[in-house]
Amino acid sequence: MSTLQCTHRDHTITAQVEEHPGIPTPWAGGCRITTPDGKQSRRLALPVNAAFLSELENAQRASLAHGRWLVDQHLDHQQALF
């Protein structure tokens, strides 16, 4: 399985999707954010109402989008990442 990654506003966002076999929506979305100075966040899960998806690619893309939103909140509204 490949891991999607992107750079947004000098922060590296890596999708960290976990599989939960046996349920209709087995992919739990989440991401890890690395700051420009190298500090890395814990795995940040998608919000509960959107956390589980049925397809891996959709879960990865949603995870990256959530990571970009978190970086924007951190930089524009002083929300903590760590």
Protein backbone atom coordinates (compact mmCIF):
# COMPACT_ATOMS: atom_id res chain seq x y z
CA MET A 1 0.00 0.00 0.00
CA SER A 2 1.41 3.38 -0.95
CA THR A 3 1.16 6.36 1.36
CA LEU A 4 0.04 9.70 -0.02
CA GLN A 5 1.93 12.79 1.06
CA CYS A 6 1.78 16.48 0.20
CA THR A 7 3.35 19.77 1.21
CA HIS A 8 1.09 22.63 2.26
CA ARG A 9 2.44 25.97 3.48
CA ASP A 10 5.86 24.38 4.17
CA HIS A 11 4.31 21.59 6.29
CA THR A 12 4.51 17.97 5.14
CA ILE A 13 1.24 16.08 5.52
CA THR A 14 1.25 12.29 5.34
CA ALA A 15 -1.94 10.24 5.15
CA GLN A 16 -2.02 7.54 7.84
CA VAL A 17 -4.99 5.34 7.08
CA GLU A 18 -5.71 2.31 9.25
CA GLU A 19 -7.63 -0.74 8.08
CA HIS A 20 -10.39 -2.28 10.19
CA PRO A 21 -11.43 -5.41 8.25
CA GLY A 22 -14.88 -6.88 8.59
CA ILE A 23 -16.92 -3.68 8.53
CA PRO A 24 -18.54 -2.03 5.47
CA THR A 25 -16.33 1.06 5.81
CA PRO A 26 -12.97 -0.43 6.81
CA TRP A 27 -10.64 2.55 6.24
CA ALA A 28 -10.09 4.96 9.15
CA GLY A 29 -8.64 8.23 7.93
CA GLY A 30 -5.93 10.16 9.69
CA CYS A 31 -2.77 12.13 9.04
CA ARG A 32 0.58 13.09 10.52
CA ILE A 33 1.93 16.62 10.10
CA THR A 34 5.62 17.54 10.04
CA THR A 35 6.49 21.21 10.59
CA PRO A 36 9.27 22.99 8.69
CA ASP A 37 11.57 22.61 11.73
CA GLY A 38 11.07 18.81 11.74
CA LYS A 39 8.65 18.47 14.64
CA GLN A 40 6.07 15.73 13.95
CA SER A 41 2.52 15.44 15.27
CA ARG A 42 0.86 12.29 16.52
CA ARG A 43 -1.66 10.64 14.19
CA LEU A 44 -4.54 13.08 13.86
CA ALA A 45 -7.77 11.22 13.06
CA LEU A 46 -10.57 12.52 10.88
CA PRO A 47 -13.63 13.81 12.76
CA VAL A 48 -15.89 10.99 13.99
CA ASN A 49 -18.69 11.69 11.48
CA ALA A 50 -16.25 11.21 8.56
CA ALA A 51 -13.60 8.94 10.05
CA PHE A 52 -14.45 5.69 8.26
CA LEU A 53 -14.58 5.34 4.48
CA SER A 54 -15.20 2.42 2.15
CA GLU A 55 -12.26 2.98 -0.25
CA LEU A 56 -8.58 3.39 0.58
CA GLU A 57 -7.92 6.15 -1.98
CA ASN A 58 -10.85 8.21 -0.69
CA ALA A 59 -9.64 7.80 2.89
CA GLN A 60 -6.13 8.95 1.90
CA ARG A 61 -7.42 11.99 0.02
CA ALA A 62 -9.75 12.94 2.87
CA SER A 63 -6.86 12.56 5.31
CA LEU A 64 -4.67 14.94 3.28
CA ALA A 65 -7.50 17.46 2.98
CA HIS A 66 -8.04 17.32 6.74
CA GLY A 67 -4.30 17.82 7.29
CA ARG A 68 -4.28 20.90 5.04
CA TRP A 69 -7.22 22.29 6.99
CA LEU A 70 -5.41 21.65 10.29
CA VAL A 71 -2.29 23.46 9.02
CA ASP A 72 -4.44 26.43 7.96
CA GLN A 73 -6.10 26.50 11.40
CA HIS A 74 -2.68 26.34 13.06
CA LEU A 75 -1.14 29.14 11.00
CA ASP A 76 -4.16 31.43 10.60
CA HIS A 77 -5.94 30.94 13.91
CA GLN A 78 -3.16 29.83 16.29
CA GLN A 79 -4.70 26.37 16.88
CA ALA A 80 -2.23 23.91 18.38
CA LEU A 81 -1.02 20.93 16.34
CA PHE A 82 0.78 19.27 19.23
